[in-house]
C-alpha cells in the first residue's frame, strides 16, 4: 500500500459523533497522522463558518490543512483562511430554480458566512439551524439575493414531494446545475462542475500528491465523487449502502464508535511502522 499523504474526512455521520463532537481518540489519531506528514482535509456540505469550529478543535487553524465547503464549491486554507477556489451557480439557472420552487410552495435556503438565509420559515430550516449552529434570517426579497450569485441552494421539504420537484427542476435546467438529494428531506443545487471529488483533486494537485496517496472517508451520496476519486475510498458502516458499494473498505465501527480513528490507526499509522 502506498503511504497516505492526504486524508479527506466528511463531517456529519463520519468524523462527528451523533452529538456533533469529536472524540479524544479521533483527535489524537488525526494529530499523529499529521505529525507523519499527512495533510488533513475536512470536506462537508456545511458552509465554511459552520466548519471552522471543528477545524479549530482539531488544531487545523494552527497547521496547514484545507476545508472543502458547500459540497465542493469553496476551498479554504485552514491556517490562513485564504480562499483558494470558489464556483457559483449560474444566475439564470439559480433564478429559474428559485422561481419554480417558490411557485410550488417550497422554501429555499442559502448559506453565507455564519447566516442561514431562508425565503420562508419551515420546520426543516429549524432542524438545519440546530445542526449547523448558524443564525437564521428570513429574507423578504430572496429572489434578488439569488440573482447576486450563490455557491449552493437548498430546498427542504417532505421527501415524498421533493423527488417530483427534482425531476421538474432537472428537466428545465439541464446541465446548468447539479441537482440531487443530499438528505431525504433536502434537495441540493450546486454549480454543474462542483462536487467534493473535483475539489479534492484540486487540493491534491496543489500539494503535488497523487490520488493513490489519498484516503477519503464518507457516509452519504454527496461523498460519492470524493470516494470515487480517492485512491483509498472508505465508507462508514453507518453510511448509505450505495456508498459502501463503491468503497474499497467499509469501517468496522460507526461514527459513534470512533470509526475514523480506527481507519487512521490501521491504515495510516500502522502502515508507517510496518
C-alpha atoms as a PDB file:
ATOM      1  CA  UNK A   1       0.000   0.000   0.000  1.00  0.00           C
ATOM      2  CA  UNK A   2       1.286   3.462  -0.952  1.00  0.00           C
ATOM      3  CA  UNK A   3       1.753   5.657   2.142  1.00  0.00           C
ATOM      4  CA  UNK A   4      -1.169   8.033   2.615  1.00  0.00           C
ATOM      5  CA  UNK A   5      -0.271  11.713   2.296  1.00  0.00           C
ATOM      6  CA  UNK A   6      -3.733  13.288   2.123  1.00  0.00           C
ATOM      7  CA  UNK A   7      -6.659  12.416   4.410  1.00  0.00           C
ATOM      8  CA  UNK A   8     -10.119  13.710   3.437  1.00  0.00           C
ATOM      9  CA  UNK A   9     -12.883  13.433   6.021  1.00  0.00           C
ATOM     10  CA  UNK A  10     -16.575  14.142   5.749  1.00  0.00           C
ATOM     11  CA  UNK A  11     -18.027  15.677   8.910  1.00  0.00           C
ATOM     12  CA  UNK A  12     -21.612  14.703   9.753  1.00  0.00           C
ATOM     13  CA  UNK A  13     -22.105  10.981  10.447  1.00  0.00           C
ATOM     14  CA  UNK A  14     -18.429  10.361   9.619  1.00  0.00           C
ATOM     15  CA  UNK A  15     -15.928  12.343  11.688  1.00  0.00           C
ATOM     16  CA  UNK A  16     -18.593  13.739  14.021  1.00  0.00           C
ATOM     17  CA  UNK A  17     -20.451  11.617  16.522  1.00  0.00           C
ATOM     18  CA  UNK A  18     -24.231  11.887  16.732  1.00  0.00           C
ATOM     19  CA  UNK A  19     -23.873  14.601  19.369  1.00  0.00           C
ATOM     20  CA  UNK A  20     -21.658  16.581  16.949  1.00  0.00           C
ATOM     21  CA  UNK A  21     -18.467  16.023  18.962  1.00  0.00           C
ATOM     22  CA  UNK A  22     -15.078  14.548  18.015  1.00  0.00           C
ATOM     23  CA  UNK A  23     -13.652  12.057  20.492  1.00  0.00           C
ATOM     24  CA  UNK A  24     -10.229  12.420  22.056  1.00  0.00           C
ATOM     25  CA  UNK A  25      -9.144   9.186  20.392  1.00  0.00           C
ATOM     26  CA  UNK A  26     -10.074  10.518  16.955  1.00  0.00           C
ATOM     27  CA  UNK A  27      -8.425  13.891  17.538  1.00  0.00           C
ATOM     28  CA  UNK A  28      -5.286  12.139  18.748  1.00  0.00           C
ATOM     29  CA  UNK A  29      -5.188   9.833  15.716  1.00  0.00           C
ATOM     30  CA  UNK A  30      -5.526  12.783  13.339  1.00  0.00           C
ATOM     31  CA  UNK A  31      -2.710  14.697  15.053  1.00  0.00           C
ATOM     32  CA  UNK A  32      -0.439  11.631  14.895  1.00  0.00           C
ATOM     33  CA  UNK A  33      -1.170  11.287  11.184  1.00  0.00           C
ATOM     34  CA  UNK A  34      -0.305  14.964  10.674  1.00  0.00           C
ATOM     35  CA  UNK A  35       2.948  14.522  12.564  1.00  0.00           C
ATOM     36  CA  UNK A  36       3.865  11.873   9.999  1.00  0.00           C
ATOM     37  CA  UNK A  37       3.334  14.251   7.081  1.00  0.00           C
ATOM     38  CA  UNK A  38      -0.335  13.682   6.293  1.00  0.00           C
ATOM     39  CA  UNK A  39      -2.356  16.751   5.295  1.00  0.00           C
ATOM     40  CA  UNK A  40      -5.945  16.786   6.535  1.00  0.00           C
ATOM     41  CA  UNK A  41      -8.938  17.977   4.526  1.00  0.00           C
ATOM     42  CA  UNK A  42     -12.375  18.432   6.075  1.00  0.00           C
ATOM     43  CA  UNK A  43     -14.966  18.002   3.318  1.00  0.00           C
ATOM     44  CA  UNK A  44     -18.573  18.851   4.033  1.00  0.00           C
ATOM     45  CA  UNK A  45     -21.829  20.201   2.694  1.00  0.00           C
ATOM     46  CA  UNK A  46     -21.615  22.738   5.521  1.00  0.00           C
ATOM     47  CA  UNK A  47     -20.689  26.370   4.926  1.00  0.00           C
ATOM     48  CA  UNK A  48     -17.128  27.418   5.904  1.00  0.00           C
ATOM     49  CA  UNK A  49     -18.338  29.236   9.029  1.00  0.00           C
ATOM     50  CA  UNK A  50     -20.058  26.063  10.220  1.00  0.00           C
ATOM     51  CA  UNK A  51     -16.862  24.032   9.662  1.00  0.00           C
ATOM     52  CA  UNK A  52     -14.360  26.361  11.308  1.00  0.00           C
ATOM     53  CA  UNK A  53     -15.256  25.307  14.857  1.00  0.00           C
ATOM     54  CA  UNK A  54     -14.277  21.716  14.079  1.00  0.00           C
ATOM     55  CA  UNK A  55     -11.103  22.855  12.318  1.00  0.00           C
ATOM     56  CA  UNK A  56     -10.096  24.761  15.463  1.00  0.00           C
ATOM     57  CA  UNK A  57     -10.981  21.772  17.637  1.00  0.00           C
ATOM     58  CA  UNK A  58      -8.517  19.709  15.614  1.00  0.00           C
ATOM     59  CA  UNK A  59      -5.898  22.459  15.724  1.00  0.00           C
ATOM     60  CA  UNK A  60      -6.046  22.916  11.954  1.00  0.00           C
ATOM     61  CA  UNK A  61      -6.186  26.683  12.408  1.00  0.00           C
ATOM     62  CA  UNK A  62      -2.548  26.406  13.509  1.00  0.00           C
ATOM     63  CA  UNK A  63      -1.394  23.887  10.898  1.00  0.00           C
ATOM     64  CA  UNK A  64      -1.724  23.616   7.119  1.00  0.00           C
ATOM     65  CA  UNK A  65      -4.940  21.940   6.078  1.00  0.00           C
ATOM     66  CA  UNK A  66      -7.996  22.571   3.941  1.00  0.00           C
ATOM     67  CA  UNK A  67     -11.746  22.990   4.172  1.00  0.00           C
ATOM     68  CA  UNK A  68     -13.840  21.796   1.248  1.00  0.00           C
ATOM     69  CA  UNK A  69     -17.139  23.524   1.979  1.00  0.00           C
ATOM     70  CA  UNK A  70     -20.605  23.677   0.419  1.00  0.00           C
ATOM     71  CA  UNK A  71     -20.054  20.265  -1.174  1.00  0.00           C
ATOM     72  CA  UNK A  72     -17.057  21.475  -3.153  1.00  0.00           C
ATOM     73  CA  UNK A  73     -17.995  24.998  -4.223  1.00  0.00           C
ATOM     74  CA  UNK A  74     -15.462  26.549  -1.827  1.00  0.00           C
ATOM     75  CA  UNK A  75     -11.934  25.526  -0.824  1.00  0.00           C
ATOM     76  CA  UNK A  76     -10.221  27.379   2.010  1.00  0.00           C
ATOM     77  CA  UNK A  77      -6.897  27.012   3.806  1.00  0.00           C
ATOM     78  CA  UNK A  78      -7.405  26.216   7.485  1.00  0.00           C
ATOM     79  CA  UNK A  79      -4.366  28.034   8.877  1.00  0.00           C
ATOM     80  CA  UNK A  80      -4.610  31.237   6.824  1.00  0.00           C
ATOM     81  CA  UNK A  81      -8.299  31.372   5.961  1.00  0.00           C
ATOM     82  CA  UNK A  82      -7.317  32.095   2.364  1.00  0.00           C
ATOM     83  CA  UNK A  83      -9.912  31.226  -0.256  1.00  0.00           C
ATOM     84  CA  UNK A  84      -8.177  29.209  -2.966  1.00  0.00           C
ATOM     85  CA  UNK A  85     -11.197  28.213  -5.046  1.00  0.00           C
ATOM     86  CA  UNK A  86     -14.876  29.050  -5.454  1.00  0.00           C
ATOM     87  CA  UNK A  87     -17.589  28.480  -8.023  1.00  0.00           C
ATOM     88  CA  UNK A  88     -21.193  29.695  -8.136  1.00  0.00           C
ATOM     89  CA  UNK A  89     -24.450  28.563  -9.725  1.00  0.00           C
ATOM     90  CA  UNK A  90     -25.098  30.460 -12.977  1.00  0.00           C
ATOM     91  CA  UNK A  91     -27.522  33.300 -12.097  1.00  0.00           C
ATOM     92  CA  UNK A  92     -30.086  32.388 -14.784  1.00  0.00           C
ATOM     93  CA  UNK A  93     -30.271  28.798 -13.531  1.00  0.00           C
ATOM     94  CA  UNK A  94     -30.446  29.906  -9.897  1.00  0.00           C
ATOM     95  CA  UNK A  95     -33.333  32.275 -10.621  1.00  0.00           C
ATOM     96  CA  UNK A  96     -35.228  29.646 -12.592  1.00  0.00           C
ATOM     97  CA  UNK A  97     -34.835  27.108  -9.796  1.00  0.00           C
ATOM     98  CA  UNK A  98     -35.929  29.587  -7.140  1.00  0.00           C
ATOM     99  CA  UNK A  99     -38.971  30.710  -9.132  1.00  0.00           C
ATOM    100  CA  UNK A 100     -40.120  27.150  -9.774  1.00  0.00           C
ATOM    101  CA  UNK A 101     -39.576  26.002  -6.184  1.00  0.00           C
ATOM    102  CA  UNK A 102     -41.291  29.104  -4.812  1.00  0.00           C
ATOM    103  CA  UNK A 103     -44.250  28.680  -7.167  1.00  0.00           C
ATOM    104  CA  UNK A 104     -44.677  25.114  -5.894  1.00  0.00           C
ATOM    105  CA  UNK A 105     -44.733  26.359  -2.292  1.00  0.00           C
ATOM    106  CA  UNK A 106     -41.236  25.281  -1.260  1.00  0.00           C
ATOM    107  CA  UNK A 107     -38.815  27.296   0.844  1.00  0.00           C
ATOM    108  CA  UNK A 108     -35.306  27.934  -0.459  1.00  0.00           C
ATOM    109  CA  UNK A 109     -32.186  28.355   1.696  1.00  0.00           C
ATOM    110  CA  UNK A 110     -28.748  29.903   1.171  1.00  0.00           C
ATOM    111  CA  UNK A 111     -25.669  29.918   3.379  1.00  0.00           C
ATOM    112  CA  UNK A 112     -23.455  32.981   3.599  1.00  0.00           C
ATOM    113  CA  UNK A 113     -20.758  33.409   6.250  1.00  0.00           C
ATOM    114  CA  UNK A 114     -22.415  32.444   9.545  1.00  0.00           C
ATOM    115  CA  UNK A 115     -26.024  33.055   8.475  1.00  0.00           C
ATOM    116  CA  UNK A 116     -28.685  30.708   7.108  1.00  0.00           C
ATOM    117  CA  UNK A 117     -30.882  32.788   4.811  1.00  0.00           C
ATOM    118  CA  UNK A 118     -34.354  31.393   4.057  1.00  0.00           C
ATOM    119  CA  UNK A 119     -37.185  32.528   1.799  1.00  0.00           C
ATOM    120  CA  UNK A 120     -39.847  31.420   4.284  1.00  0.00           C
ATOM    121  CA  UNK A 121     -39.894  29.716   7.676  1.00  0.00           C
ATOM    122  CA  UNK A 122     -40.155  25.936   7.707  1.00  0.00           C
ATOM    123  CA  UNK A 123     -39.588  23.048  10.099  1.00  0.00           C
ATOM    124  CA  UNK A 124     -36.599  21.723   8.159  1.00  0.00           C
ATOM    125  CA  UNK A 125     -34.733  25.037   8.420  1.00  0.00           C
ATOM    126  CA  UNK A 126     -35.215  24.896  12.185  1.00  0.00           C
ATOM    127  CA  UNK A 127     -33.624  21.446  12.231  1.00  0.00           C
ATOM    128  CA  UNK A 128     -30.779  22.604   9.971  1.00  0.00           C
ATOM    129  CA  UNK A 129     -30.113  25.552  12.267  1.00  0.00           C
ATOM    130  CA  UNK A 130     -29.697  23.226  15.253  1.00  0.00           C
ATOM    131  CA  UNK A 131     -27.176  21.078  13.365  1.00  0.00           C
ATOM    132  CA  UNK A 132     -25.089  23.891  11.856  1.00  0.00           C
ATOM    133  CA  UNK A 133     -25.357  26.444  14.649  1.00  0.00           C
ATOM    134  CA  UNK A 134     -25.870  29.197  12.079  1.00  0.00           C
ATOM    135  CA  UNK A 135     -28.171  32.142  12.682  1.00  0.00           C
ATOM    136  CA  UNK A 136     -31.420  32.047  10.688  1.00  0.00           C
ATOM    137  CA  UNK A 137     -32.679  35.078   8.773  1.00  0.00           C
ATOM    138  CA  UNK A 138     -35.859  35.272   6.695  1.00  0.00           C
ATOM    139  CA  UNK A 139     -35.276  37.423   3.582  1.00  0.00           C
ATOM    140  CA  UNK A 140     -38.267  39.222   2.080  1.00  0.00           C
ATOM    141  CA  UNK A 141     -36.733  39.761  -1.367  1.00  0.00           C
ATOM    142  CA  UNK A 142     -34.982  36.418  -1.597  1.00  0.00           C
ATOM    143  CA  UNK A 143     -35.014  36.479  -5.395  1.00  0.00           C
ATOM    144  CA  UNK A 144     -32.608  39.435  -5.530  1.00  0.00           C
ATOM    145  CA  UNK A 145     -30.216  37.570  -3.239  1.00  0.00           C
ATOM    146  CA  UNK A 146     -30.259  34.583  -5.584  1.00  0.00           C
ATOM    147  CA  UNK A 147     -29.655  36.843  -8.579  1.00  0.00           C
ATOM    148  CA  UNK A 148     -26.482  38.228  -6.988  1.00  0.00           C
ATOM    149  CA  UNK A 149     -24.917  34.759  -7.058  1.00  0.00           C
ATOM    150  CA  UNK A 150     -24.752  31.784  -4.706  1.00  0.00           C
ATOM    151  CA  UNK A 151     -22.499  28.800  -4.147  1.00  0.00           C
ATOM    152  CA  UNK A 152     -25.299  26.461  -3.150  1.00  0.00           C
ATOM    153  CA  UNK A 153     -29.074  26.371  -2.822  1.00  0.00           C
ATOM    154  CA  UNK A 154     -31.119  24.089  -0.604  1.00  0.00           C
ATOM    155  CA  UNK A 155     -34.795  23.212  -0.950  1.00  0.00           C
ATOM    156  CA  UNK A 156     -36.180  21.480   2.158  1.00  0.00           C
ATOM    157  CA  UNK A 157     -39.428  19.548   2.195  1.00  0.00           C
ATOM    158  CA  UNK A 158     -41.319  16.313   2.567  1.00  0.00           C
ATOM    159  CA  UNK A 159     -39.319  13.530   0.857  1.00  0.00           C
ATOM    160  CA  UNK A 160     -42.461  12.296  -0.906  1.00  0.00           C
ATOM    161  CA  UNK A 161     -42.853  15.546  -2.849  1.00  0.00           C
ATOM    162  CA  UNK A 162     -39.207  16.545  -3.234  1.00  0.00           C
ATOM    163  CA  UNK A 163     -38.498  13.800  -5.763  1.00  0.00           C
ATOM    164  CA  UNK A 164     -41.038  15.060  -8.334  1.00  0.00           C
ATOM    165  CA  UNK A 165     -39.694  18.590  -7.840  1.00  0.00           C
ATOM    166  CA  UNK A 166     -36.136  17.391  -8.502  1.00  0.00           C
ATOM    167  CA  UNK A 167     -37.216  15.831 -11.809  1.00  0.00           C
ATOM    168  CA  UNK A 168     -39.045  19.001 -12.785  1.00  0.00           C
ATOM    169  CA  UNK A 169     -36.070  21.228 -11.997  1.00  0.00           C
ATOM    170  CA  UNK A 170     -33.651  18.965 -13.845  1.00  0.00           C
ATOM    171  CA  UNK A 171     -35.894  18.964 -16.920  1.00  0.00           C
ATOM    172  CA  UNK A 172     -35.795  22.756 -17.143  1.00  0.00           C
ATOM    173  CA  UNK A 173     -32.197  23.436 -16.070  1.00  0.00           C
ATOM    174  CA  UNK A 174     -30.461  20.575 -17.870  1.00  0.00           C
ATOM    175  CA  UNK A 175     -26.694  20.873 -17.455  1.00  0.00           C
ATOM    176  CA  UNK A 176     -26.826  24.346 -15.897  1.00  0.00           C
ATOM    177  CA  UNK A 177     -26.900  22.961 -12.343  1.00  0.00           C
ATOM    178  CA  UNK A 178     -26.310  19.762 -10.392  1.00  0.00           C
ATOM    179  CA  UNK A 179     -29.493  18.743  -8.540  1.00  0.00           C
ATOM    180  CA  UNK A 180     -29.543  15.873  -6.061  1.00  0.00           C
ATOM    181  CA  UNK A 181     -30.922  14.728  -2.712  1.00  0.00           C
ATOM    182  CA  UNK A 182     -28.285  15.101   0.000  1.00  0.00           C
ATOM    183  CA  UNK A 183     -30.676  14.038   2.764  1.00  0.00           C
ATOM    184  CA  UNK A 184     -34.198  12.618   2.350  1.00  0.00           C
ATOM    185  CA  UNK A 185     -35.720  15.971   3.303  1.00  0.00           C
ATOM    186  CA  UNK A 186     -33.220  18.168   1.456  1.00  0.00           C
ATOM    187  CA  UNK A 187     -32.811  18.880  -2.236  1.00  0.00           C
ATOM    188  CA  UNK A 188     -29.448  20.389  -3.069  1.00  0.00           C
ATOM    189  CA  UNK A 189     -28.464  22.571  -6.025  1.00  0.00           C
ATOM    190  CA  UNK A 190     -24.818  23.168  -6.955  1.00  0.00           C
ATOM    191  CA  UNK A 191     -22.865  24.500  -9.934  1.00  0.00           C
ATOM    192  CA  UNK A 192     -22.608  21.681 -12.510  1.00  0.00           C
ATOM    193  CA  UNK A 193     -18.842  21.212 -12.076  1.00  0.00           C
ATOM    194  CA  UNK A 194     -18.894  21.280  -8.272  1.00  0.00           C
ATOM    195  CA  UNK A 195     -18.512  18.243  -6.056  1.00  0.00           C
ATOM    196  CA  UNK A 196     -16.202  17.026  -3.324  1.00  0.00           C
ATOM    197  CA  UNK A 197     -14.260  14.890  -5.798  1.00  0.00           C
ATOM    198  CA  UNK A 198     -13.235  17.761  -8.071  1.00  0.00           C
ATOM    199  CA  UNK A 199     -12.379  19.879  -5.041  1.00  0.00           C
ATOM    200  CA  UNK A 200     -10.243  17.120  -3.525  1.00  0.00           C
ATOM    201  CA  UNK A 201      -8.437  16.705  -6.846  1.00  0.00           C
ATOM    202  CA  UNK A 202      -7.609  20.436  -6.822  1.00  0.00           C
ATOM    203  CA  UNK A 203      -6.185  20.188  -3.301  1.00  0.00           C
ATOM    204  CA  UNK A 204      -4.096  17.150  -4.242  1.00  0.00           C
ATOM    205  CA  UNK A 205      -2.798  18.924  -7.349  1.00  0.00           C
ATOM    206  CA  UNK A 206      -1.850  21.978  -5.287  1.00  0.00           C
ATOM    207  CA  UNK A 207       0.155  19.718  -2.953  1.00  0.00           C
ATOM    208  CA  UNK A 208       1.581  17.553  -5.774  1.00  0.00           C
ATOM    209  CA  UNK A 209       0.029  14.439  -4.236  1.00  0.00           C
ATOM    210  CA  UNK A 210      -1.128  11.582  -6.456  1.00  0.00           C
ATOM    211  CA  UNK A 211      -4.618  10.184  -5.985  1.00  0.00           C
ATOM    212  CA  UNK A 212      -3.107   6.837  -4.946  1.00  0.00           C
ATOM    213  CA  UNK A 213      -1.851   8.547  -1.784  1.00  0.00           C
ATOM    214  CA  UNK A 214      -5.287   9.934  -0.867  1.00  0.00           C
ATOM    215  CA  UNK A 215      -7.594   8.293   1.671  1.00  0.00           C
ATOM    216  CA  UNK A 216     -11.156   9.630   1.845  1.00  0.00           C
ATOM    217  CA  UNK A 217     -13.905   8.697   4.295  1.00  0.00           C
ATOM    218  CA  UNK A 218     -17.614   9.416   3.861  1.00  0.00           C
ATOM    219  CA  UNK A 219     -21.091   8.115   4.523  1.00  0.00           C
ATOM    220  CA  UNK A 220     -23.604   9.596   2.068  1.00  0.00           C
ATOM    221  CA  UNK A 221     -24.195  10.192  -1.619  1.00  0.00           C
ATOM    222  CA  UNK A 222     -22.717  13.688  -1.550  1.00  0.00           C
ATOM    223  CA  UNK A 223     -19.434  11.906  -0.741  1.00  0.00           C
ATOM    224  CA  UNK A 224     -19.671   9.726  -3.860  1.00  0.00           C
ATOM    225  CA  UNK A 225     -17.452  11.843  -6.129  1.00  0.00           C
ATOM    226  CA  UNK A 226     -14.818  12.183  -3.399  1.00  0.00           C
ATOM    227  CA  UNK A 227     -14.708   8.447  -2.780  1.00  0.00           C
ATOM    228  CA  UNK A 228     -14.645   7.625  -6.483  1.00  0.00           C
ATOM    229  CA  UNK A 229     -11.657   9.943  -6.983  1.00  0.00           C
ATOM    230  CA  UNK A 230      -9.590   8.937  -3.950  1.00  0.00           C
ATOM    231  CA  UNK A 231      -7.122   6.086  -4.289  1.00  0.00           C
ATOM    232  CA  UNK A 232      -8.305   4.579  -1.000  1.00  0.00           C
ATOM    233  CA  UNK A 233     -12.064   5.210  -0.581  1.00  0.00           C
ATOM    234  CA  UNK A 234     -13.591   4.273   2.786  1.00  0.00           C
ATOM    235  CA  UNK A 235     -17.296   4.155   3.652  1.00  0.00           C
ATOM    236  CA  UNK A 236     -18.706   4.323   7.148  1.00  0.00           C
ATOM    237  CA  UNK A 237     -20.546   1.221   8.326  1.00  0.00           C
ATOM    238  CA  UNK A 238     -23.408   3.530   9.310  1.00  0.00           C
ATOM    239  CA  UNK A 239     -23.463   5.023   5.811  1.00  0.00           C
ATOM    240  CA  UNK A 240     -25.604   4.680   2.713  1.00  0.00           C
ATOM    241  CA  UNK A 241     -25.463   1.214   1.141  1.00  0.00           C
ATOM    242  CA  UNK A 242     -24.754   2.788  -2.267  1.00  0.00           C
ATOM    243  CA  UNK A 243     -21.610   4.408  -0.849  1.00  0.00           C
ATOM    244  CA  UNK A 244     -20.477   1.111   0.640  1.00  0.00           C
ATOM    245  CA  UNK A 245     -20.666  -0.471  -2.810  1.00  0.00           C
ATOM    246  CA  UNK A 246     -18.099   1.917  -4.327  1.00  0.00           C
ATOM    247  CA  UNK A 247     -15.685   1.900  -1.365  1.00  0.00           C
ATOM    248  CA  UNK A 248     -12.574  -0.225  -1.084  1.00  0.00           C
ATOM    249  CA  UNK A 249     -13.216  -0.581   2.625  1.00  0.00           C
ATOM    250  CA  UNK A 250     -16.187  -0.298   4.965  1.00  0.00           C
ATOM    251  CA  UNK A 251     -15.336   0.629   8.545  1.00  0.00           C
ATOM    252  CA  UNK A 252     -15.924  -1.947  11.250  1.00  0.00           C
ATOM    253  CA  UNK A 253     -17.127   0.782  13.611  1.00  0.00           C
ATOM    254  CA  UNK A 254     -19.665   3.577  13.243  1.00  0.00           C
ATOM    255  CA  UNK A 255     -19.167   7.312  13.702  1.00  0.00           C
ATOM    256  CA  UNK A 256     -20.258   6.891  17.332  1.00  0.00           C
ATOM    257  CA  UNK A 257     -17.606   4.192  17.840  1.00  0.00           C
ATOM    258  CA  UNK A 258     -14.568   6.109  16.532  1.00  0.00           C
ATOM    259  CA  UNK A 259     -14.715   4.541  13.084  1.00  0.00           C
ATOM    260  CA  UNK A 260     -12.467   7.253  11.604  1.00  0.00           C
ATOM    261  CA  UNK A 261      -9.849   6.784  14.336  1.00  0.00           C
ATOM    262  CA  UNK A 262      -9.912   3.051  13.718  1.00  0.00           C
ATOM    263  CA  UNK A 263      -9.180   3.561   9.998  1.00  0.00           C
ATOM    264  CA  UNK A 264      -6.359   6.034  10.669  1.00  0.00           C
ATOM    265  CA  UNK A 265      -4.724   3.724  13.213  1.00  0.00           C
ATOM    266  CA  UNK A 266      -4.967   0.670  10.955  1.00  0.00           C
ATOM    267  CA  UNK A 267      -4.176   2.089   7.540  1.00  0.00           C
ATOM    268  CA  UNK A 268      -2.090   5.223   8.127  1.00  0.00           C
ATOM    269  CA  UNK A 269      -0.290   4.945  11.446  1.00  0.00           C
ATOM    270  CA  UNK A 270       0.274   1.194  11.381  1.00  0.00           C
ATOM    271  CA  UNK A 271       1.439   1.216   7.764  1.00  0.00           C
ATOM    272  CA  UNK A 272       4.185   3.683   8.659  1.00  0.00           C
ATOM    273  CA  UNK A 273       5.616   1.312  11.254  1.00  0.00           C
ATOM    274  CA  UNK A 274       5.025  -1.881   9.266  1.00  0.00           C
END
